[in-house]
Amino acid sequence: MSVKDKYQSVLSLGEKLETKDGTVAVENGILKVKGTVKTQYEKDILWDEIKKVGGEKPSDILANIIVDDTSVYHRHEVKSGESLSKIAKQYYGDPMKYKVIFEANTNLLSNPDVIHPGQVLVIPNS
């Protein structure tokens, strides 16, 4: 299996995230990838996928992932059935951090218990 085939899930995720200015090259058995993602969250999930495939410190891939917008952790579009606590658990691993998301979005939200599908919420850096 080639190193490119090994990391195909990473390359596919990069495409799904619409990574800009992406380049992929193989040199001496090492996959070199570069690109710009929208937020730190997207960078984190790419690195999680790299580690899932190659281990905690993979030696057969070099990734240079640049974050376009460092002012926020992510921007999340609310889907039907979601709550701020579910969203907080997804991004921070702690549903009680819903208050952080609420405070960052008081321009859109007046009650932390009322969110609507289609709203785009700022997920602040933790």
C-alpha atoms as a PDB file:
ATOM      1  CA  MET A   1       0.000   0.000   0.000  1.00  0.00           C
ATOM      2  CA  SER A   2       1.349   3.392  -0.945  1.00  0.00           C
ATOM      3  CA  VAL A   3       1.588   6.154   1.653  1.00  0.00           C
ATOM      4  CA  LYS A   4      -0.975   8.124  -0.361  1.00  0.00           C
ATOM      5  CA  ASP A   5      -3.406   5.191  -0.197  1.00  0.00           C
ATOM      6  CA  LYS A   6      -2.734   4.812   3.523  1.00  0.00           C
ATOM      7  CA  TYR A   7      -3.767   8.421   4.191  1.00  0.00           C
ATOM      8  CA  GLN A   8      -6.643   8.525   1.686  1.00  0.00           C
ATOM      9  CA  SER A   9      -9.140   9.188   4.515  1.00  0.00           C
ATOM     10  CA  VAL A  10      -7.156  12.320   5.442  1.00  0.00           C
ATOM     11  CA  LEU A  11      -7.105  13.519   1.834  1.00  0.00           C
ATOM     12  CA  SER A  12     -10.840  12.853   1.500  1.00  0.00           C
ATOM     13  CA  LEU A  13     -11.563  14.758   4.708  1.00  0.00           C
ATOM     14  CA  GLY A  14      -9.488  17.665   3.412  1.00  0.00           C
ATOM     15  CA  GLU A  15     -11.620  17.720   0.257  1.00  0.00           C
ATOM     16  CA  LYS A  16     -14.836  17.519   2.282  1.00  0.00           C
ATOM     17  CA  LEU A  17     -13.677  20.487   4.384  1.00  0.00           C
ATOM     18  CA  GLU A  18     -12.956  22.382   1.147  1.00  0.00           C
ATOM     19  CA  THR A  19      -9.306  22.945   2.031  1.00  0.00           C
ATOM     20  CA  LYS A  20      -7.909  25.840  -0.002  1.00  0.00           C
ATOM     21  CA  ASP A  21      -4.549  25.917  -1.767  1.00  0.00           C
ATOM     22  CA  GLY A  22      -4.078  22.216  -1.086  1.00  0.00           C
ATOM     23  CA  THR A  23      -1.037  20.354  -2.337  1.00  0.00           C
ATOM     24  CA  VAL A  24      -0.174  16.690  -1.990  1.00  0.00           C
ATOM     25  CA  ALA A  25       3.195  15.172  -2.887  1.00  0.00           C
ATOM     26  CA  VAL A  26       5.100  11.990  -2.101  1.00  0.00           C
ATOM     27  CA  GLU A  27       8.856  12.298  -1.564  1.00  0.00           C
ATOM     28  CA  ASN A  28      11.039   9.417  -0.399  1.00  0.00           C
ATOM     29  CA  GLY A  29       8.023   7.535   0.966  1.00  0.00           C
ATOM     30  CA  ILE A  30       6.740  10.547   2.922  1.00  0.00           C
ATOM     31  CA  LEU A  31       3.400  12.134   2.127  1.00  0.00           C
ATOM     32  CA  LYS A  32       3.632  15.923   2.191  1.00  0.00           C
ATOM     33  CA  VAL A  33       0.334  17.767   2.426  1.00  0.00           C
ATOM     34  CA  LYS A  34      -0.353  21.465   2.714  1.00  0.00           C
ATOM     35  CA  GLY A  35      -3.490  23.548   2.734  1.00  0.00           C
ATOM     36  CA  THR A  36      -5.633  26.163   4.432  1.00  0.00           C
ATOM     37  CA  VAL A  37      -8.762  25.294   6.413  1.00  0.00           C
ATOM     38  CA  LYS A  38     -11.385  27.710   7.711  1.00  0.00           C
ATOM     39  CA  THR A  39     -11.019  27.204  11.476  1.00  0.00           C
ATOM     40  CA  GLN A  40      -8.936  25.600  14.216  1.00  0.00           C
ATOM     41  CA  TYR A  41     -11.653  22.958  14.664  1.00  0.00           C
ATOM     42  CA  GLU A  42     -11.147  21.816  11.070  1.00  0.00           C
ATOM     43  CA  LYS A  43      -7.400  21.652  11.620  1.00  0.00           C
ATOM     44  CA  ASP A  44      -7.956  19.612  14.784  1.00  0.00           C
ATOM     45  CA  ILE A  45     -10.185  17.063  13.067  1.00  0.00           C
ATOM     46  CA  LEU A  46      -7.658  16.684  10.237  1.00  0.00           C
ATOM     47  CA  TRP A  47      -4.902  16.016  12.782  1.00  0.00           C
ATOM     48  CA  ASP A  48      -7.163  13.561  14.620  1.00  0.00           C
ATOM     49  CA  GLU A  49      -7.607  11.658  11.342  1.00  0.00           C
ATOM     50  CA  ILE A  50      -3.841  11.729  10.676  1.00  0.00           C
ATOM     51  CA  LYS A  51      -3.193  10.256  14.142  1.00  0.00           C
ATOM     52  CA  LYS A  52      -5.962   7.675  13.689  1.00  0.00           C
ATOM     53  CA  VAL A  53      -4.236   6.396  10.551  1.00  0.00           C
ATOM     54  CA  GLY A  54      -0.564   6.915  11.387  1.00  0.00           C
ATOM     55  CA  GLY A  55      -0.397   6.821  15.172  1.00  0.00           C
ATOM     56  CA  GLU A  56       0.379   9.540  17.683  1.00  0.00           C
ATOM     57  CA  LYS A  57       3.647  10.600  15.980  1.00  0.00           C
ATOM     58  CA  PRO A  58       3.509   9.433  12.366  1.00  0.00           C
ATOM     59  CA  SER A  59       6.828   9.507  10.512  1.00  0.00           C
ATOM     60  CA  ASP A  60       5.456   8.968   7.004  1.00  0.00           C
ATOM     61  CA  ILE A  61       3.449  12.196   6.694  1.00  0.00           C
ATOM     62  CA  LEU A  62       4.302  15.887   6.965  1.00  0.00           C
ATOM     63  CA  ALA A  63       1.307  18.193   7.183  1.00  0.00           C
ATOM     64  CA  ASN A  64       1.314  21.968   7.044  1.00  0.00           C
ATOM     65  CA  ILE A  65      -2.277  22.949   7.833  1.00  0.00           C
ATOM     66  CA  ILE A  66      -2.931  26.683   8.021  1.00  0.00           C
ATOM     67  CA  VAL A  67      -6.004  28.189   9.726  1.00  0.00           C
ATOM     68  CA  ASP A  68      -7.722  30.994   7.807  1.00  0.00           C
ATOM     69  CA  ASP A  69      -9.808  32.421  10.697  1.00  0.00           C
ATOM     70  CA  THR A  70      -8.132  32.250  14.114  1.00  0.00           C
ATOM     71  CA  SER A  71     -10.660  34.605  15.736  1.00  0.00           C
ATOM     72  CA  VAL A  72     -13.022  31.670  16.452  1.00  0.00           C
ATOM     73  CA  TYR A  73     -12.710  27.942  17.054  1.00  0.00           C
ATOM     74  CA  HIS A  74     -15.455  27.223  14.510  1.00  0.00           C
ATOM     75  CA  ARG A  75     -18.716  28.437  13.020  1.00  0.00           C
ATOM     76  CA  HIS A  76     -21.510  25.910  13.469  1.00  0.00           C
ATOM     77  CA  GLU A  77     -24.751  25.780  11.505  1.00  0.00           C
ATOM     78  CA  VAL A  78     -27.534  24.580  13.800  1.00  0.00           C
ATOM     79  CA  LYS A  79     -29.308  21.418  12.676  1.00  0.00           C
ATOM     80  CA  SER A  80     -32.743  20.194  13.709  1.00  0.00           C
ATOM     81  CA  GLY A  81     -32.758  18.573  17.164  1.00  0.00           C
ATOM     82  CA  GLU A  82     -29.590  20.267  18.404  1.00  0.00           C
ATOM     83  CA  SER A  83     -29.214  22.212  21.633  1.00  0.00           C
ATOM     84  CA  LEU A  84     -26.414  24.431  22.884  1.00  0.00           C
ATOM     85  CA  SER A  85     -25.374  21.696  25.320  1.00  0.00           C
ATOM     86  CA  LYS A  86     -25.109  19.123  22.497  1.00  0.00           C
ATOM     87  CA  ILE A  87     -23.077  21.587  20.446  1.00  0.00           C
ATOM     88  CA  ALA A  88     -20.832  22.360  23.452  1.00  0.00           C
ATOM     89  CA  LYS A  89     -20.226  18.631  23.979  1.00  0.00           C
ATOM     90  CA  GLN A  90     -19.276  18.224  20.304  1.00  0.00           C
ATOM     91  CA  TYR A  91     -16.687  21.018  20.309  1.00  0.00           C
ATOM     92  CA  TYR A  92     -15.476  21.144  23.906  1.00  0.00           C
ATOM     93  CA  GLY A  93     -16.333  17.687  25.249  1.00  0.00           C
ATOM     94  CA  ASP A  94     -18.375  19.343  28.013  1.00  0.00           C
ATOM     95  CA  PRO A  95     -22.109  20.084  27.635  1.00  0.00           C
ATOM     96  CA  MET A  96     -21.958  22.606  30.480  1.00  0.00           C
ATOM     97  CA  LYS A  97     -19.865  24.919  28.292  1.00  0.00           C
ATOM     98  CA  TYR A  98     -23.083  25.830  26.472  1.00  0.00           C
ATOM     99  CA  LYS A  99     -22.900  29.128  28.377  1.00  0.00           C
ATOM    100  CA  VAL A 100     -19.678  30.043  26.555  1.00  0.00           C
ATOM    101  CA  ILE A 101     -21.391  29.519  23.208  1.00  0.00           C
ATOM    102  CA  PHE A 102     -24.478  31.437  24.344  1.00  0.00           C
ATOM    103  CA  GLU A 103     -22.409  34.427  25.505  1.00  0.00           C
ATOM    104  CA  ALA A 104     -20.561  34.529  22.174  1.00  0.00           C
ATOM    105  CA  ASN A 105     -23.859  34.628  20.288  1.00  0.00           C
ATOM    106  CA  THR A 106     -26.038  37.070  22.206  1.00  0.00           C
ATOM    107  CA  ASN A 107     -26.381  39.046  18.979  1.00  0.00           C
ATOM    108  CA  LEU A 108     -28.463  36.086  17.679  1.00  0.00           C
ATOM    109  CA  LEU A 109     -29.763  34.446  20.839  1.00  0.00           C
ATOM    110  CA  SER A 110     -31.798  35.833  23.705  1.00  0.00           C
ATOM    111  CA  ASN A 111     -32.419  32.501  25.450  1.00  0.00           C
ATOM    112  CA  PRO A 112     -29.917  29.605  25.666  1.00  0.00           C
ATOM    113  CA  ASP A 113     -32.800  27.137  25.371  1.00  0.00           C
ATOM    114  CA  VAL A 114     -34.010  28.493  22.013  1.00  0.00           C
ATOM    115  CA  ILE A 115     -31.955  27.927  18.879  1.00  0.00           C
ATOM    116  CA  HIS A 116     -33.188  27.328  15.339  1.00  0.00           C
ATOM    117  CA  PRO A 117     -31.947  25.242  12.407  1.00  0.00           C
ATOM    118  CA  GLY A 118     -29.954  27.332   9.973  1.00  0.00           C
ATOM    119  CA  GLN A 119     -28.537  29.738  12.549  1.00  0.00           C
ATOM    120  CA  VAL A 120     -24.754  30.001  12.311  1.00  0.00           C
ATOM    121  CA  LEU A 121     -23.222  30.168  15.766  1.00  0.00           C
ATOM    122  CA  VAL A 122     -19.729  31.282  16.694  1.00  0.00           C
ATOM    123  CA  ILE A 123     -17.895  28.622  18.668  1.00  0.00           C
ATOM    124  CA  PRO A 124     -15.310  30.652  20.573  1.00  0.00           C
ATOM    125  CA  ASN A 125     -11.735  29.590  21.187  1.00  0.00           C
ATOM    126  CA  SER A 126     -11.601  27.857  24.544  1.00  0.00           C
END
